Amino acid sequence: MSKFTSALLPDKISIVLGIVLFLSPWLFSFANVQNAAMNAHIVGAIIFVIAISEVIAFKMWEEWIGIAAGVWLLFAPFILGFNAHVEAVATHVVIGLATILFAVWSMSDHGPGRLTSSG
């Protein structure tokens, strides 16, 4: 696996995380919890769009948005008041932590600036 391909791996995983988060209200049975479902849809779409843009043309600020989205996911259940719904909280916390992890991994692989296919 080339340096360029391996550097894109965390961004590709983030694409999947965004899709899973967007679909999570149906996948994990909390679609009836309006705040949790709406948050999952909005933040899932944001993570997906940011991750796609990272694959197309890496910019460090995109990773910071990913980290901010991950941190928001950690606190959203308590701020939005759905902390009594175990499935919603677990989904938000796990995907939030994963989003932060993969953003930091991507930052460390890419380094400052933009990575091109030439390395």
PDB file of N, CA and C in Angstrom:
ATOM      1  N   MET A   1       0.853  -1.174   0.000  1.00  0.00           N
ATOM      2  CA  MET A   1       0.000   0.000   0.000  1.00  0.00           C
ATOM      3  C   MET A   1       0.896   1.234   0.000  1.00  0.00           C
ATOM      4  N   SER A   2       0.693   2.107  -0.956  1.00  0.00           N
ATOM      5  CA  SER A   2       1.523   3.297  -1.056  1.00  0.00           C
ATOM      6  C   SER A   2       1.214   4.267   0.077  1.00  0.00           C
ATOM      7  N   LYS A   3       2.109   5.217   0.279  1.00  0.00           N
ATOM      8  CA  LYS A   3       1.920   6.246   1.313  1.00  0.00           C
ATOM      9  C   LYS A   3       0.634   7.025   1.047  1.00  0.00           C
ATOM     10  N   PHE A   4       0.368   7.343  -0.237  1.00  0.00           N
ATOM     11  CA  PHE A   4      -0.831   8.097  -0.600  1.00  0.00           C
ATOM     12  C   PHE A   4      -2.086   7.303  -0.283  1.00  0.00           C
ATOM     13  N   THR A   5      -2.103   6.027  -0.649  1.00  0.00           N
ATOM     14  CA  THR A   5      -3.270   5.184  -0.406  1.00  0.00           C
ATOM     15  C   THR A   5      -3.508   4.999   1.087  1.00  0.00           C
ATOM     16  N   SER A   6      -2.444   4.746   1.855  1.00  0.00           N
ATOM     17  CA  SER A   6      -2.611   4.538   3.288  1.00  0.00           C
ATOM     18  C   SER A   6      -3.030   5.824   3.987  1.00  0.00           C
ATOM     19  N   ALA A   7      -2.614   6.980   3.468  1.00  0.00           N
ATOM     20  CA  ALA A   7      -3.002   8.252   4.069  1.00  0.00           C
ATOM     21  C   ALA A   7      -4.486   8.520   3.872  1.00  0.00           C
ATOM     22  N   LEU A   8      -5.073   7.943   2.839  1.00  0.00           N
ATOM     23  CA  LEU A   8      -6.500   8.139   2.583  1.00  0.00           C
ATOM     24  C   LEU A   8      -7.383   7.174   3.372  1.00  0.00           C
ATOM     25  N   LEU A   9      -6.812   6.140   3.955  1.00  0.00           N
ATOM     26  CA  LEU A   9      -7.601   5.143   4.672  1.00  0.00           C
ATOM     27  C   LEU A   9      -8.475   5.740   5.775  1.00  0.00           C
ATOM     28  N   PRO A  10      -7.946   6.580   6.672  1.00  0.00           N
ATOM     29  CA  PRO A  10      -8.826   7.131   7.716  1.00  0.00           C
ATOM     30  C   PRO A  10      -9.942   8.001   7.137  1.00  0.00           C
ATOM     31  N   ASP A  11      -9.680   8.668   6.014  1.00  0.00           N
ATOM     32  CA  ASP A  11     -10.717   9.482   5.384  1.00  0.00           C
ATOM     33  C   ASP A  11     -11.810   8.597   4.790  1.00  0.00           C
ATOM     34  N   LYS A  12     -11.413   7.483   4.205  1.00  0.00           N
ATOM     35  CA  LYS A  12     -12.394   6.544   3.648  1.00  0.00           C
ATOM     36  C   LYS A  12     -13.230   5.907   4.766  1.00  0.00           C
ATOM     37  N   ILE A  13     -12.601   5.609   5.879  1.00  0.00           N
ATOM     38  CA  ILE A  13     -13.340   5.067   7.026  1.00  0.00           C
ATOM     39  C   ILE A  13     -14.304   6.119   7.561  1.00  0.00           C
ATOM     40  N   SER A  14     -13.901   7.381   7.543  1.00  0.00           N
ATOM     41  CA  SER A  14     -14.788   8.460   7.994  1.00  0.00           C
ATOM     42  C   SER A  14     -16.019   8.591   7.096  1.00  0.00           C
ATOM     43  N   ILE A  15     -15.864   8.316   5.812  1.00  0.00           N
ATOM     44  CA  ILE A  15     -17.017   8.301   4.907  1.00  0.00           C
ATOM     45  C   ILE A  15     -18.028   7.270   5.396  1.00  0.00           C
ATOM     46  N   VAL A  16     -17.538   6.090   5.727  1.00  0.00           N
ATOM     47  CA  VAL A  16     -18.415   5.023   6.228  1.00  0.00           C
ATOM     48  C   VAL A  16     -19.051   5.431   7.558  1.00  0.00           C
ATOM     49  N   LEU A  17     -18.269   6.057   8.435  1.00  0.00           N
ATOM     50  CA  LEU A  17     -18.813   6.521   9.718  1.00  0.00           C
ATOM     51  C   LEU A  17     -19.953   7.515   9.512  1.00  0.00           C
ATOM     52  N   GLY A  18     -19.786   8.419   8.566  1.00  0.00           N
ATOM     53  CA  GLY A  18     -20.839   9.382   8.272  1.00  0.00           C
ATOM     54  C   GLY A  18     -22.107   8.705   7.786  1.00  0.00           C
ATOM     55  N   ILE A  19     -21.959   7.708   6.927  1.00  0.00           N
ATOM     56  CA  ILE A  19     -23.117   6.964   6.418  1.00  0.00           C
ATOM     57  C   ILE A  19     -23.795   6.199   7.547  1.00  0.00           C
ATOM     58  N   VAL A  20     -22.999   5.512   8.357  1.00  0.00           N
ATOM     59  CA  VAL A  20     -23.567   4.740   9.470  1.00  0.00           C
ATOM     60  C   VAL A  20     -24.289   5.661  10.448  1.00  0.00           C
ATOM     61  N   LEU A  21     -23.687   6.809  10.769  1.00  0.00           N
ATOM     62  CA  LEU A  21     -24.339   7.737  11.689  1.00  0.00           C
ATOM     63  C   LEU A  21     -25.650   8.242  11.099  1.00  0.00           C
ATOM     64  N   PHE A  22     -25.651   8.584   9.816  1.00  0.00           N
ATOM     65  CA  PHE A  22     -26.872   9.068   9.172  1.00  0.00           C
ATOM     66  C   PHE A  22     -27.981   8.021   9.231  1.00  0.00           C
ATOM     67  N   LEU A  23     -27.628   6.763   9.030  1.00  0.00           N
ATOM     68  CA  LEU A  23     -28.613   5.668   9.024  1.00  0.00           C
ATOM     69  C   LEU A  23     -28.892   5.091  10.411  1.00  0.00           C
ATOM     70  N   SER A  24     -28.118   5.483  11.405  1.00  0.00           N
ATOM     71  CA  SER A  24     -28.197   4.881  12.731  1.00  0.00           C
ATOM     72  C   SER A  24     -29.567   4.930  13.402  1.00  0.00           C
ATOM     73  N   PRO A  25     -30.374   5.966  13.217  1.00  0.00           N
ATOM     74  CA  PRO A  25     -31.688   5.921  13.865  1.00  0.00           C
ATOM     75  C   PRO A  25     -32.509   4.703  13.436  1.00  0.00           C
ATOM     76  N   TRP A  26     -32.363   4.282  12.188  1.00  0.00           N
ATOM     77  CA  TRP A  26     -33.082   3.101  11.708  1.00  0.00           C
ATOM     78  C   TRP A  26     -32.309   1.822  12.036  1.00  0.00           C
ATOM     79  N   LEU A  27     -30.996   1.883  11.931  1.00  0.00           N
ATOM     80  CA  LEU A  27     -30.179   0.696  12.204  1.00  0.00           C
ATOM     81  C   LEU A  27     -30.235   0.274  13.667  1.00  0.00           C
ATOM     82  N   PHE A  28     -30.281   1.260  14.572  1.00  0.00           N
ATOM     83  CA  PHE A  28     -30.189   0.983  15.996  1.00  0.00           C
ATOM     84  C   PHE A  28     -31.461   1.360  16.763  1.00  0.00           C
ATOM     85  N   SER A  29     -32.538   1.509  16.042  1.00  0.00           N
ATOM     86  CA  SER A  29     -33.893   1.665  16.614  1.00  0.00           C
ATOM     87  C   SER A  29     -34.068   2.864  17.551  1.00  0.00           C
ATOM     88  N   PHE A  30     -33.612   4.029  17.112  1.00  0.00           N
ATOM     89  CA  PHE A  30     -33.944   5.222  17.885  1.00  0.00           C
ATOM     90  C   PHE A  30     -34.516   6.320  16.985  1.00  0.00           C
ATOM     91  N   ALA A  31     -35.152   5.909  15.895  1.00  0.00           N
ATOM     92  CA  ALA A  31     -35.760   6.872  14.973  1.00  0.00           C
ATOM     93  C   ALA A  31     -36.890   7.658  15.636  1.00  0.00           C
ATOM     94  N   ASN A  32     -37.497   7.090  16.675  1.00  0.00           N
ATOM     95  CA  ASN A  32     -38.591   7.780  17.370  1.00  0.00           C
ATOM     96  C   ASN A  32     -38.096   8.817  18.377  1.00  0.00           C
ATOM     97  N   VAL A  33     -36.793   8.889  18.594  1.00  0.00           N
ATOM     98  CA  VAL A  33     -36.207   9.891  19.491  1.00  0.00           C
ATOM     99  C   VAL A  33     -35.774  11.064  18.603  1.00  0.00           C
ATOM    100  N   GLN A  34     -36.659  12.032  18.482  1.00  0.00           N
ATOM    101  CA  GLN A  34     -36.511  13.085  17.478  1.00  0.00           C
ATOM    102  C   GLN A  34     -35.177  13.827  17.554  1.00  0.00           C
ATOM    103  N   ASN A  35     -34.761  14.276  18.724  1.00  0.00           N
ATOM    104  CA  ASN A  35     -33.492  15.008  18.848  1.00  0.00           C
ATOM    105  C   ASN A  35     -32.303  14.156  18.433  1.00  0.00           C
ATOM    106  N   ALA A  36     -32.305  12.913  18.850  1.00  0.00           N
ATOM    107  CA  ALA A  36     -31.191  12.019  18.525  1.00  0.00           C
ATOM    108  C   ALA A  36     -31.150  11.711  17.031  1.00  0.00           C
ATOM    109  N   ALA A  37     -32.318  11.431  16.456  1.00  0.00           N
ATOM    110  CA  ALA A  37     -32.376  11.101  15.035  1.00  0.00           C
ATOM    111  C   ALA A  37     -31.964  12.293  14.175  1.00  0.00           C
ATOM    112  N   MET A  38     -32.477  13.460  14.483  1.00  0.00           N
ATOM    113  CA  MET A  38     -32.133  14.653  13.705  1.00  0.00           C
ATOM    114  C   MET A  38     -30.652  14.964  13.813  1.00  0.00           C
ATOM    115  N   ASN A  39     -30.102  14.851  15.020  1.00  0.00           N
ATOM    116  CA  ASN A  39     -28.678  15.087  15.214  1.00  0.00           C
ATOM    117  C   ASN A  39     -27.850  14.085  14.411  1.00  0.00           C
ATOM    118  N   ALA A  40     -28.247  12.819  14.433  1.00  0.00           N
ATOM    119  CA  ALA A  40     -27.528  11.788  13.681  1.00  0.00           C
ATOM    120  C   ALA A  40     -27.555  12.091  12.182  1.00  0.00           C
ATOM    121  N   HIS A  41     -28.690  12.530  11.676  1.00  0.00           N
ATOM    122  CA  HIS A  41     -28.790  12.849  10.250  1.00  0.00           C
ATOM    123  C   HIS A  41     -27.892  14.035   9.886  1.00  0.00           C
ATOM    124  N   ILE A  42     -27.972  15.098  10.669  1.00  0.00           N
ATOM    125  CA  ILE A  42     -27.210  16.314  10.353  1.00  0.00           C
ATOM    126  C   ILE A  42     -25.709  16.079  10.485  1.00  0.00           C
ATOM    127  N   VAL A  43     -25.283  15.535  11.618  1.00  0.00           N
ATOM    128  CA  VAL A  43     -23.851  15.348  11.846  1.00  0.00           C
ATOM    129  C   VAL A  43     -23.302  14.237  10.946  1.00  0.00           C
ATOM    130  N   GLY A  44     -24.096  13.215  10.690  1.00  0.00           N
ATOM    131  CA  GLY A  44     -23.679  12.169   9.753  1.00  0.00           C
ATOM    132  C   GLY A  44     -23.424  12.734   8.364  1.00  0.00           C
ATOM    133  N   ALA A  45     -24.310  13.614   7.913  1.00  0.00           N
ATOM    134  CA  ALA A  45     -24.124  14.253   6.600  1.00  0.00           C
ATOM    135  C   ALA A  45     -22.881  15.142   6.590  1.00  0.00           C
ATOM    136  N   ILE A  46     -22.654  15.865   7.684  1.00  0.00           N
ATOM    137  CA  ILE A  46     -21.462  16.718   7.769  1.00  0.00           C
ATOM    138  C   ILE A  46     -20.192  15.875   7.708  1.00  0.00           C
ATOM    139  N   ILE A  47     -20.140  14.804   8.491  1.00  0.00           N
ATOM    140  CA  ILE A  47     -18.956  13.931   8.497  1.00  0.00           C
ATOM    141  C   ILE A  47     -18.735  13.347   7.106  1.00  0.00           C
ATOM    142  N   PHE A  48     -19.808  12.909   6.455  1.00  0.00           N
ATOM    143  CA  PHE A  48     -19.710  12.338   5.113  1.00  0.00           C
ATOM    144  C   PHE A  48     -19.148  13.354   4.114  1.00  0.00           C
ATOM    145  N   VAL A  49     -19.712  14.549   4.088  1.00  0.00           N
ATOM    146  CA  VAL A  49     -19.275  15.574   3.128  1.00  0.00           C
ATOM    147  C   VAL A  49     -17.825  15.982   3.387  1.00  0.00           C
ATOM    148  N   ILE A  50     -17.474  16.179   4.644  1.00  0.00           N
ATOM    149  CA  ILE A  50     -16.098  16.557   4.979  1.00  0.00           C
ATOM    150  C   ILE A  50     -15.126  15.447   4.579  1.00  0.00           C
ATOM    151  N   ALA A  51     -15.482  14.190   4.849  1.00  0.00           N
ATOM    152  CA  ALA A  51     -14.595  13.075   4.502  1.00  0.00           C
ATOM    153  C   ALA A  51     -14.423  12.949   2.988  1.00  0.00           C
ATOM    154  N   ILE A  52     -15.495  13.148   2.243  1.00  0.00           N
ATOM    155  CA  ILE A  52     -15.389  13.126   0.773  1.00  0.00           C
ATOM    156  C   ILE A  52     -14.443  14.233   0.308  1.00  0.00           C
ATOM    157  N   SER A  53     -14.590  15.418   0.878  1.00  0.00           N
ATOM    158  CA  SER A  53     -13.721  16.526   0.473  1.00  0.00           C
ATOM    159  C   SER A  53     -12.268  16.262   0.851  1.00  0.00           C
ATOM    160  N   GLU A  54     -12.036  15.533   1.940  1.00  0.00           N
ATOM    161  CA  GLU A  54     -10.665  15.182   2.329  1.00  0.00           C
ATOM    162  C   GLU A  54     -10.032  14.239   1.322  1.00  0.00           C
ATOM    163  N   VAL A  55     -10.820  13.314   0.798  1.00  0.00           N
ATOM    164  CA  VAL A  55     -10.307  12.375  -0.202  1.00  0.00           C
ATOM    165  C   VAL A  55      -9.979  13.122  -1.495  1.00  0.00           C
ATOM    166  N   ILE A  56     -10.810  14.081  -1.857  1.00  0.00           N
ATOM    167  CA  ILE A  56     -10.616  14.827  -3.103  1.00  0.00           C
ATOM    168  C   ILE A  56      -9.420  15.770  -2.999  1.00  0.00           C
ATOM    169  N   ALA A  57      -9.380  16.582  -1.955  1.00  0.00           N
ATOM    170  CA  ALA A  57      -8.286  17.555  -1.780  1.00  0.00           C
ATOM    171  C   ALA A  57      -8.120  17.822  -0.291  1.00  0.00           C
ATOM    172  N   PHE A  58      -7.125  17.196   0.305  1.00  0.00           N
ATOM    173  CA  PHE A  58      -6.911  17.301   1.747  1.00  0.00           C
ATOM    174  C   PHE A  58      -6.581  18.727   2.163  1.00  0.00           C
ATOM    175  N   LYS A  59      -7.255  19.171   3.197  1.00  0.00           N
ATOM    176  CA  LYS A  59      -6.952  20.434   3.876  1.00  0.00           C
ATOM    177  C   LYS A  59      -7.030  20.165   5.376  1.00  0.00           C
ATOM    178  N   MET A  60      -6.109  20.715   6.131  1.00  0.00           N
ATOM    179  CA  MET A  60      -6.055  20.459   7.575  1.00  0.00           C
ATOM    180  C   MET A  60      -7.326  20.924   8.281  1.00  0.00           C
ATOM    181  N   TRP A  61      -7.936  22.014   7.828  1.00  0.00           N
ATOM    182  CA  TRP A  61      -9.139  22.527   8.490  1.00  0.00           C
ATOM    183  C   TRP A  61     -10.283  21.527   8.431  1.00  0.00           C
ATOM    184  N   GLU A  62     -10.287  20.669   7.408  1.00  0.00           N
ATOM    185  CA  GLU A  62     -11.332  19.651   7.311  1.00  0.00           C
ATOM    186  C   GLU A  62     -11.234  18.663   8.474  1.00  0.00           C
ATOM    187  N   GLU A  63     -10.015  18.344   8.858  1.00  0.00           N
ATOM    188  CA  GLU A  63      -9.814  17.441   9.989  1.00  0.00           C
ATOM    189  C   GLU A  63     -10.291  18.085  11.287  1.00  0.00           C
ATOM    190  N   TRP A  64     -10.078  19.390  11.426  1.00  0.00           N
ATOM    191  CA  TRP A  64     -10.536  20.088  12.627  1.00  0.00           C
ATOM    192  C   TRP A  64     -12.061  20.090  12.698  1.00  0.00           C
ATOM    193  N   ILE A  65     -12.724  20.181  11.553  1.00  0.00           N
ATOM    194  CA  ILE A  65     -14.189  20.080  11.545  1.00  0.00           C
ATOM    195  C   ILE A  65     -14.602  18.668  11.964  1.00  0.00           C
ATOM    196  N   GLY A  66     -13.872  17.662  11.495  1.00  0.00           N
ATOM    197  CA  GLY A  66     -14.139  16.289  11.910  1.00  0.00           C
ATOM    198  C   GLY A  66     -13.986  16.102  13.409  1.00  0.00           C
ATOM    199  N   ILE A  67     -12.939  16.672  13.965  1.00  0.00           N
ATOM    200  CA  ILE A  67     -12.733  16.589  15.415  1.00  0.00           C
ATOM    201  C   ILE A  67     -13.864  17.301  16.154  1.00  0.00           C
ATOM    202  N   ALA A  68     -14.236  18.482  15.677  1.00  0.00           N
ATOM    203  CA  ALA A  68     -15.342  19.225  16.310  1.00  0.00           C
ATOM    204  C   ALA A  68     -16.641  18.424  16.243  1.00  0.00           C
ATOM    205  N   ALA A  69     -16.891  17.768  15.104  1.00  0.00           N
ATOM    206  CA  ALA A  69     -18.100  16.937  14.969  1.00  0.00           C
ATOM    207  C   ALA A  69     -18.051  15.773  15.950  1.00  0.00           C
ATOM    208  N   GLY A  70     -16.882  15.160  16.105  1.00  0.00           N
ATOM    209  CA  GLY A  70     -16.733  14.064  17.060  1.00  0.00           C
ATOM    210  C   GLY A  70     -16.964  14.501  18.491  1.00  0.00           C
ATOM    211  N   VAL A  71     -16.406  15.657  18.848  1.00  0.00           N
ATOM    212  CA  VAL A  71     -16.613  16.191  20.205  1.00  0.00           C
ATOM    213  C   VAL A  71     -18.090  16.512  20.419  1.00  0.00           C
ATOM    214  N   TRP A  72     -18.724  17.101  19.413  1.00  0.00           N
ATOM    215  CA  TRP A  72     -20.162  17.394  19.535  1.00  0.00           C
ATOM    216  C   TRP A  72     -20.940  16.102  19.789  1.00  0.00           C
ATOM    217  N   LEU A  73     -20.599  15.040  19.069  1.00  0.00           N
ATOM    218  CA  LEU A  73     -21.309  13.771  19.249  1.00  0.00           C
ATOM    219  C   LEU A  73     -21.181  13.244  20.670  1.00  0.00           C
ATOM    220  N   LEU A  74     -20.051  13.488  21.317  1.00  0.00           N
ATOM    221  CA  LEU A  74     -19.852  13.032  22.690  1.00  0.00           C
ATOM    222  C   LEU A  74     -20.780  13.756  23.674  1.00  0.00           C
ATOM    223  N   PHE A  75     -21.020  15.036  23.430  1.00  0.00           N
ATOM    224  CA  PHE A  75     -21.811  15.843  24.357  1.00  0.00           C
ATOM    225  C   PHE A  75     -23.268  16.016  23.952  1.00  0.00           C
ATOM    226  N   ALA A  76     -23.593  15.759  22.696  1.00  0.00           N
ATOM    227  CA  ALA A  76     -24.950  15.979  22.185  1.00  0.00           C
ATOM    228  C   ALA A  76     -26.044  15.274  22.993  1.00  0.00           C
ATOM    229  N   PRO A  77     -25.839  14.020  23.431  1.00  0.00           N
ATOM    230  CA  PRO A  77     -26.915  13.371  24.187  1.00  0.00           C
ATOM    231  C   PRO A  77     -27.315  14.153  25.442  1.00  0.00           C
ATOM    232  N   PHE A  78     -26.372  14.805  26.065  1.00  0.00           N
ATOM    233  CA  PHE A  78     -26.636  15.541  27.298  1.00  0.00           C
ATOM    234  C   PHE A  78     -27.156  16.944  27.001  1.00  0.00           C
ATOM    235  N   ILE A  79     -26.638  17.561  25.958  1.00  0.00           N
ATOM    236  CA  ILE A  79     -27.075  18.910  25.584  1.00  0.00           C
ATOM    237  C   ILE A  79     -28.475  18.876  24.977  1.00  0.00           C
ATOM    238  N   LEU A  80     -28.734  17.871  24.130  1.00  0.00           N
ATOM    239  CA  LEU A  80     -30.027  17.784  23.448  1.00  0.00           C
ATOM    240  C   LEU A  80     -31.066  16.973  24.225  1.00  0.00           C
ATOM    241  N   GLY A  81     -30.652  16.376  25.333  1.00  0.00           N
ATOM    242  CA  GLY A  81     -31.593  15.715  26.226  1.00  0.00           C
ATOM    243  C   GLY A  81     -32.061  14.329  25.840  1.00  0.00           C
ATOM    244  N   PHE A  82     -31.233  13.570  25.128  1.00  0.00           N
ATOM    245  CA  PHE A  82     -31.620  12.186  24.842  1.00  0.00           C
ATOM    246  C   PHE A  82     -30.687  11.187  25.527  1.00  0.00           C
ATOM    247  N   ASN A  83     -30.104  11.608  26.658  1.00  0.00           N
ATOM    248  CA  ASN A  83     -29.159  10.760  27.384  1.00  0.00           C
ATOM    249  C   ASN A  83     -29.815   9.565  28.068  1.00  0.00           C
ATOM    250  N   ALA A  84     -31.146   9.486  28.093  1.00  0.00           N
ATOM    251  CA  ALA A  84     -31.830   8.325  28.673  1.00  0.00           C
ATOM    252  C   ALA A  84     -32.018   7.202  27.660  1.00  0.00           C
ATOM    253  N   HIS A  85     -31.701   7.449  26.402  1.00  0.00           N
ATOM    254  CA  HIS A  85     -31.879   6.454  25.343  1.00  0.00           C
ATOM    255  C   HIS A  85     -30.534   5.796  25.041  1.00  0.00           C
ATOM    256  N   VAL A  86     -30.373   4.596  25.580  1.00  0.00           N
ATOM    257  CA  VAL A  86     -29.078   3.907  25.552  1.00  0.00           C
ATOM    258  C   VAL A  86     -28.541   3.729  24.141  1.00  0.00           C
ATOM    259  N   GLU A  87     -29.376   3.314  23.200  1.00  0.00           N
ATOM    260  CA  GLU A  87     -28.910   3.065  21.831  1.00  0.00           C
ATOM    261  C   GLU A  87     -28.411   4.354  21.191  1.00  0.00           C
ATOM    262  N   ALA A  88     -29.165   5.436  21.394  1.00  0.00           N
ATOM    263  CA  ALA A  88     -28.775   6.720  20.808  1.00  0.00           C
ATOM    264  C   ALA A  88     -27.480   7.232  21.418  1.00  0.00           C
ATOM    265  N   VAL A  89     -27.365   7.131  22.739  1.00  0.00           N
ATOM    266  CA  VAL A  89     -26.148   7.596  23.409  1.00  0.00           C
ATOM    267  C   VAL A  89     -24.949   6.758  22.970  1.00  0.00           C
ATOM    268  N   ALA A  90     -25.094   5.457  22.972  1.00  0.00           N
ATOM    269  CA  ALA A  90     -23.985   4.580  22.585  1.00  0.00           C
ATOM    270  C   ALA A  90     -23.530   4.860  21.157  1.00  0.00           C
ATOM    271  N   THR A  91     -24.477   5.025  20.257  1.00  0.00           N
ATOM    272  CA  THR A  91     -24.141   5.311  18.862  1.00  0.00           C
ATOM    273  C   THR A  91     -23.386   6.631  18.746  1.00  0.00           C
ATOM    274  N   HIS A  92     -23.897   7.663  19.390  1.00  0.00           N
ATOM    275  CA  HIS A  92     -23.258   8.974  19.310  1.00  0.00           C
ATOM    276  C   HIS A  92     -21.853   8.957  19.925  1.00  0.00           C
ATOM    277  N   VAL A  93     -21.707   8.295  21.058  1.00  0.00           N
ATOM    278  CA  VAL A  93     -20.399   8.267  21.730  1.00  0.00           C
ATOM    279  C   VAL A  93     -19.387   7.442  20.932  1.00  0.00           C
ATOM    280  N   VAL A  94     -19.778   6.262  20.483  1.00  0.00           N
ATOM    281  CA  VAL A  94     -18.844   5.401  19.737  1.00  0.00           C
ATOM    282  C   VAL A  94     -18.427   6.061  18.423  1.00  0.00           C
ATOM    283  N   ILE A  95     -19.387   6.583  17.677  1.00  0.00           N
ATOM    284  CA  ILE A  95     -19.036   7.220  16.401  1.00  0.00           C
ATOM    285  C   ILE A  95     -18.292   8.532  16.649  1.00  0.00           C
ATOM    286  N   GLY A  96     -18.626   9.236  17.716  1.00  0.00           N
ATOM    287  CA  GLY A  96     -17.882  10.447  18.067  1.00  0.00           C
ATOM    288  C   GLY A  96     -16.418  10.157  18.352  1.00  0.00           C
ATOM    289  N   LEU A  97     -16.164   9.152  19.168  1.00  0.00           N
ATOM    290  CA  LEU A  97     -14.776   8.772  19.472  1.00  0.00           C
ATOM    291  C   LEU A  97     -14.040   8.302  18.221  1.00  0.00           C
ATOM    292  N   ALA A  98     -14.713   7.509  17.401  1.00  0.00           N
ATOM    293  CA  ALA A  98     -14.096   7.018  16.164  1.00  0.00           C
ATOM    294  C   ALA A  98     -13.791   8.176  15.212  1.00  0.00           C
ATOM    295  N   THR A  99     -14.697   9.119  15.112  1.00  0.00           N
ATOM    296  CA  THR A  99     -14.485  10.274  14.236  1.00  0.00           C
ATOM    297  C   THR A  99     -13.265  11.075  14.676  1.00  0.00           C
ATOM    298  N   ILE A 100     -13.140  11.290  15.976  1.00  0.00           N
ATOM    299  CA  ILE A 100     -11.969  11.995  16.502  1.00  0.00           C
ATOM    300  C   ILE A 100     -10.700  11.204  16.203  1.00  0.00           C
ATOM    301  N   LEU A 101     -10.720   9.916  16.477  1.00  0.00           N
ATOM    302  CA  LEU A 101      -9.558   9.061  16.246  1.00  0.00           C
ATOM    303  C   LEU A 101      -9.109   9.107  14.792  1.00  0.00           C
ATOM    304  N   PHE A 102     -10.046   8.945  13.859  1.00  0.00           N
ATOM    305  CA  PHE A 102      -9.670   8.909  12.446  1.00  0.00           C
ATOM    306  C   PHE A 102      -9.247  10.279  11.926  1.00  0.00           C
ATOM    307  N   ALA A 103      -9.781  11.353  12.481  1.00  0.00           N
ATOM    308  CA  ALA A 103      -9.335  12.696  12.091  1.00  0.00           C
ATOM    309  C   ALA A 103      -7.893  12.926  12.552  1.00  0.00           C
ATOM    310  N   VAL A 104      -7.591  12.521  13.770  1.00  0.00           N
ATOM    311  CA  VAL A 104      -6.222  12.676  14.281  1.00  0.00           C
ATOM    312  C   VAL A 104      -5.259  11.799  13.488  1.00  0.00           C
ATOM    313  N   TRP A 105      -5.666  10.569  13.188  1.00  0.00           N
ATOM    314  CA  TRP A 105      -4.841   9.668  12.376  1.00  0.00           C
ATOM    315  C   TRP A 105      -4.579  10.293  11.014  1.00  0.00           C
ATOM    316  N   SER A 106      -5.605  10.825  10.383  1.00  0.00           N
ATOM    317  CA  SER A 106      -5.450  11.448   9.072  1.00  0.00           C
ATOM    318  C   SER A 106      -4.507  12.647   9.138  1.00  0.00           C
ATOM    319  N   MET A 107      -4.643  13.451  10.187  1.00  0.00           N
ATOM    320  CA  MET A 107      -3.750  14.604  10.350  1.00  0.00           C
ATOM    321  C   MET A 107      -2.296  14.158  10.471  1.00  0.00           C
ATOM    322  N   SER A 108      -2.075  13.082  11.202  1.00  0.00           N
ATOM    323  CA  SER A 108      -0.698  12.622  11.392  1.00  0.00           C
ATOM    324  C   SER A 108      -0.134  12.003  10.116  1.00  0.00           C
ATOM    325  N   ASP A 109      -0.976  11.352   9.321  1.00  0.00           N
ATOM    326  CA  ASP A 109      -0.509  10.762   8.061  1.00  0.00           C
ATOM    327  C   ASP A 109      -0.253  11.822   6.991  1.00  0.00           C
ATOM    328  N   HIS A 110      -1.129  12.804   6.909  1.00  0.00           N
ATOM    329  CA  HIS A 110      -0.996  13.827   5.878  1.00  0.00           C
ATOM    330  C   HIS A 110       0.054  14.863   6.225  1.00  0.00           C
ATOM    331  N   GLY A 111       0.165  15.174   7.486  1.00  0.00           N
ATOM    332  CA  GLY A 111       1.042  16.264   7.884  1.00  0.00           C
ATOM    333  C   GLY A 111       0.436  17.583   7.469  1.00  0.00           C
ATOM    334  N   PRO A 112       1.150  18.672   7.658  1.00  0.00           N
ATOM    335  CA  PRO A 112       0.590  19.976   7.309  1.00  0.00           C
ATOM    336  C   PRO A 112       0.473  20.136   5.794  1.00  0.00           C
ATOM    337  N   GLY A 113      -0.513  20.884   5.369  1.00  0.00           N
ATOM    338  CA  GLY A 113      -0.683  21.170   3.950  1.00  0.00           C
ATOM    339  C   GLY A 113      -1.471  20.126   3.220  1.00  0.00           C
ATOM    340  N   ARG A 114      -1.228  20.011   1.936  1.00  0.00           N
ATOM    341  CA  ARG A 114      -2.004  19.123   1.080  1.00  0.00           C
ATOM    342  C   ARG A 114      -1.145  17.979   0.585  1.00  0.00           C
ATOM    343  N   LEU A 115      -1.657  16.768   0.659  1.00  0.00           N
ATOM    344  CA  LEU A 115      -0.961  15.601   0.143  1.00  0.00           C
ATOM    345  C   LEU A 115      -1.414  15.374  -1.285  1.00  0.00           C
ATOM    346  N   THR A 116      -0.471  15.149  -2.163  1.00  0.00           N
ATOM    347  CA  THR A 116      -0.802  14.873  -3.557  1.00  0.00           C
ATOM    348  C   THR A 116      -0.451  13.431  -3.880  1.00  0.00           C
ATOM    349  N   SER A 117      -0.863  12.969  -5.043  1.00  0.00           N
ATOM    350  CA  SER A 117      -0.607  11.583  -5.425  1.00  0.00           C
ATOM    351  C   SER A 117       0.869  11.297  -5.625  1.00  0.00           C
ATOM    352  N   SER A 118       1.696  12.326  -5.755  1.00  0.00           N
ATOM    353  CA  SER A 118       3.135  12.105  -5.894  1.00  0.00           C
ATOM    354  C   SER A 118       3.834  11.880  -4.566  1.00  0.00           C
ATOM    355  N   GLY A 119       3.065  11.981  -3.453  1.00  0.00           N
ATOM    356  CA  GLY A 119       3.638  11.659  -2.171  1.00  0.00           C
ATOM    357  C   GLY A 119       3.661  12.823  -1.284  1.00  0.00           C
TER     358      GLY A 119
END
